[in-house]
């Protein structure tokens, strides 16, 4: 049996793109997010802002509003201050991802 979308955002995507395409997008998000968030600790400030912005948007499309808000705060910090992200900030983003991961994995079948 195919599990239903885990939230309204995924349900909306599925109604537009179809279940198979939406599941593939969810799988890509699940695969890419952990790697991308770890890259926030390296690279130029401009690259870090671009990564944070993309992760913020991707999380919102996945219905992970808390994660999206955390990424928005990281994006603001990177844009407004010369301060580097702390390991705790990166860890907190990964922890927020891990909180939404099971529902998305169940839907994606991965």
C-alpha atoms as a PDB file:
ATOM      1  CA  UNK A   1       0.000   0.000   0.000  1.00  0.00           C
ATOM      2  CA  UNK A   2       1.258   3.465  -0.905  1.00  0.00           C
ATOM      3  CA  UNK A   3       1.454   5.743   2.129  1.00  0.00           C
ATOM      4  CA  UNK A   4      -0.387   9.062   1.920  1.00  0.00           C
ATOM      5  CA  UNK A   5       1.457  12.391   1.833  1.00  0.00           C
ATOM      6  CA  UNK A   6       2.734  13.240   5.340  1.00  0.00           C
ATOM      7  CA  UNK A   7       1.579  16.871   5.257  1.00  0.00           C
ATOM      8  CA  UNK A   8      -0.371  19.439   3.231  1.00  0.00           C
ATOM      9  CA  UNK A   9       2.693  20.761   1.395  1.00  0.00           C
ATOM     10  CA  UNK A  10       3.543  17.308   0.028  1.00  0.00           C
ATOM     11  CA  UNK A  11      -0.124  16.671  -0.739  1.00  0.00           C
ATOM     12  CA  UNK A  12      -0.210  19.898  -2.741  1.00  0.00           C
ATOM     13  CA  UNK A  13       2.957  18.987  -4.648  1.00  0.00           C
ATOM     14  CA  UNK A  14       1.546  15.544  -5.419  1.00  0.00           C
ATOM     15  CA  UNK A  15      -1.669  17.042  -6.759  1.00  0.00           C
ATOM     16  CA  UNK A  16       0.368  19.167  -9.174  1.00  0.00           C
ATOM     17  CA  UNK A  17       3.282  16.880 -10.065  1.00  0.00           C
ATOM     18  CA  UNK A  18       1.840  13.431  -9.400  1.00  0.00           C
ATOM     19  CA  UNK A  19       2.784  10.938  -6.712  1.00  0.00           C
ATOM     20  CA  UNK A  20       5.817   9.441  -8.471  1.00  0.00           C
ATOM     21  CA  UNK A  21       7.465  12.781  -9.219  1.00  0.00           C
ATOM     22  CA  UNK A  22       6.735  14.065  -5.726  1.00  0.00           C
ATOM     23  CA  UNK A  23       8.230  10.956  -4.141  1.00  0.00           C
ATOM     24  CA  UNK A  24      11.366  11.451  -6.241  1.00  0.00           C
ATOM     25  CA  UNK A  25      11.636  15.085  -5.101  1.00  0.00           C
ATOM     26  CA  UNK A  26      11.246  13.980  -1.480  1.00  0.00           C
ATOM     27  CA  UNK A  27      13.975  11.355  -1.962  1.00  0.00           C
ATOM     28  CA  UNK A  28      16.302  14.007  -3.399  1.00  0.00           C
ATOM     29  CA  UNK A  29      15.605  16.304  -0.453  1.00  0.00           C
ATOM     30  CA  UNK A  30      16.323  13.489   2.007  1.00  0.00           C
ATOM     31  CA  UNK A  31      19.563  12.669   0.233  1.00  0.00           C
ATOM     32  CA  UNK A  32      20.818  16.216  -0.314  1.00  0.00           C
ATOM     33  CA  UNK A  33      19.856  18.048   2.872  1.00  0.00           C
ATOM     34  CA  UNK A  34      22.360  16.477   5.321  1.00  0.00           C
ATOM     35  CA  UNK A  35      25.261  16.955   2.893  1.00  0.00           C
ATOM     36  CA  UNK A  36      24.283  20.523   2.087  1.00  0.00           C
ATOM     37  CA  UNK A  37      23.808  21.615   5.695  1.00  0.00           C
ATOM     38  CA  UNK A  38      27.293  20.339   6.539  1.00  0.00           C
ATOM     39  CA  UNK A  39      28.701  22.523   3.737  1.00  0.00           C
ATOM     40  CA  UNK A  40      27.498  25.571   5.682  1.00  0.00           C
ATOM     41  CA  UNK A  41      30.698  25.297   7.723  1.00  0.00           C
ATOM     42  CA  UNK A  42      32.955  25.827   4.726  1.00  0.00           C
ATOM     43  CA  UNK A  43      33.168  27.805   1.516  1.00  0.00           C
ATOM     44  CA  UNK A  44      32.766  31.514   1.000  1.00  0.00           C
ATOM     45  CA  UNK A  45      30.146  33.514   2.852  1.00  0.00           C
ATOM     46  CA  UNK A  46      28.281  34.002  -0.433  1.00  0.00           C
ATOM     47  CA  UNK A  47      28.190  30.223  -1.023  1.00  0.00           C
ATOM     48  CA  UNK A  48      26.954  29.667   2.534  1.00  0.00           C
ATOM     49  CA  UNK A  49      24.122  32.187   2.081  1.00  0.00           C
ATOM     50  CA  UNK A  50      23.082  30.521  -1.185  1.00  0.00           C
ATOM     51  CA  UNK A  51      23.082  27.086   0.473  1.00  0.00           C
ATOM     52  CA  UNK A  52      21.061  28.325   3.470  1.00  0.00           C
ATOM     53  CA  UNK A  53      18.555  30.045   1.174  1.00  0.00           C
ATOM     54  CA  UNK A  54      18.096  26.906  -0.927  1.00  0.00           C
ATOM     55  CA  UNK A  55      17.686  24.690   2.128  1.00  0.00           C
ATOM     56  CA  UNK A  56      15.159  27.122   3.599  1.00  0.00           C
ATOM     57  CA  UNK A  57      13.057  26.957   0.443  1.00  0.00           C
ATOM     58  CA  UNK A  58      13.395  23.195   0.043  1.00  0.00           C
ATOM     59  CA  UNK A  59      12.353  22.586   3.639  1.00  0.00           C
ATOM     60  CA  UNK A  60       9.292  24.776   3.155  1.00  0.00           C
ATOM     61  CA  UNK A  61       8.291  22.800   0.042  1.00  0.00           C
ATOM     62  CA  UNK A  62       8.589  19.603   2.115  1.00  0.00           C
ATOM     63  CA  UNK A  63       6.210  21.003   4.718  1.00  0.00           C
ATOM     64  CA  UNK A  64       9.003  21.232   7.289  1.00  0.00           C
ATOM     65  CA  UNK A  65       8.163  24.721   8.530  1.00  0.00           C
ATOM     66  CA  UNK A  66      10.286  24.525  11.686  1.00  0.00           C
ATOM     67  CA  UNK A  67      13.289  23.465   9.649  1.00  0.00           C
ATOM     68  CA  UNK A  68      12.583  26.196   7.114  1.00  0.00           C
ATOM     69  CA  UNK A  69      12.451  28.780   9.916  1.00  0.00           C
ATOM     70  CA  UNK A  70      15.744  27.517  11.345  1.00  0.00           C
ATOM     71  CA  UNK A  71      17.358  27.799   7.917  1.00  0.00           C
ATOM     72  CA  UNK A  72      15.919  31.328   7.549  1.00  0.00           C
ATOM     73  CA  UNK A  73      17.590  32.308  10.835  1.00  0.00           C
ATOM     74  CA  UNK A  74      20.885  30.853   9.610  1.00  0.00           C
ATOM     75  CA  UNK A  75      20.505  32.706   6.312  1.00  0.00           C
ATOM     76  CA  UNK A  76      19.870  35.988   8.183  1.00  0.00           C
ATOM     77  CA  UNK A  77      22.908  35.472  10.386  1.00  0.00           C
ATOM     78  CA  UNK A  78      25.142  34.685   7.424  1.00  0.00           C
ATOM     79  CA  UNK A  79      23.829  37.725   5.543  1.00  0.00           C
ATOM     80  CA  UNK A  80      24.012  40.202   8.415  1.00  0.00           C
ATOM     81  CA  UNK A  81      27.098  39.321  10.436  1.00  0.00           C
ATOM     82  CA  UNK A  82      30.677  38.253   9.793  1.00  0.00           C
ATOM     83  CA  UNK A  83      30.263  35.598  12.494  1.00  0.00           C
ATOM     84  CA  UNK A  84      30.805  31.991  11.472  1.00  0.00           C
ATOM     85  CA  UNK A  85      28.107  29.464  12.220  1.00  0.00           C
ATOM     86  CA  UNK A  86      28.752  27.511  15.377  1.00  0.00           C
ATOM     87  CA  UNK A  87      28.828  23.717  15.343  1.00  0.00           C
ATOM     88  CA  UNK A  88      25.722  23.897  17.562  1.00  0.00           C
ATOM     89  CA  UNK A  89      23.785  25.804  14.885  1.00  0.00           C
ATOM     90  CA  UNK A  90      24.672  23.208  12.256  1.00  0.00           C
ATOM     91  CA  UNK A  91      23.828  20.392  14.691  1.00  0.00           C
ATOM     92  CA  UNK A  92      20.469  22.024  15.503  1.00  0.00           C
ATOM     93  CA  UNK A  93      19.603  22.181  11.793  1.00  0.00           C
ATOM     94  CA  UNK A  94      20.472  18.489  11.402  1.00  0.00           C
ATOM     95  CA  UNK A  95      18.404  17.621  14.474  1.00  0.00           C
ATOM     96  CA  UNK A  96      15.430  19.529  13.053  1.00  0.00           C
ATOM     97  CA  UNK A  97      15.868  17.603   9.780  1.00  0.00           C
ATOM     98  CA  UNK A  98      15.955  14.299  11.670  1.00  0.00           C
ATOM     99  CA  UNK A  99      12.629  15.186  13.312  1.00  0.00           C
ATOM    100  CA  UNK A 100      10.831  15.394   9.937  1.00  0.00           C
ATOM    101  CA  UNK A 101      12.833  12.697   8.181  1.00  0.00           C
ATOM    102  CA  UNK A 102      10.792   9.612   9.221  1.00  0.00           C
ATOM    103  CA  UNK A 103       7.510  10.922   7.818  1.00  0.00           C
ATOM    104  CA  UNK A 104       9.157  11.945   4.565  1.00  0.00           C
ATOM    105  CA  UNK A 105      11.012   8.621   4.280  1.00  0.00           C
ATOM    106  CA  UNK A 106       7.812   6.693   4.819  1.00  0.00           C
ATOM    107  CA  UNK A 107       6.132   8.610   2.029  1.00  0.00           C
ATOM    108  CA  UNK A 108       9.128   8.340  -0.312  1.00  0.00           C
ATOM    109  CA  UNK A 109       9.465   4.618   0.301  1.00  0.00           C
ATOM    110  CA  UNK A 110      13.137   4.924   1.176  1.00  0.00           C
END
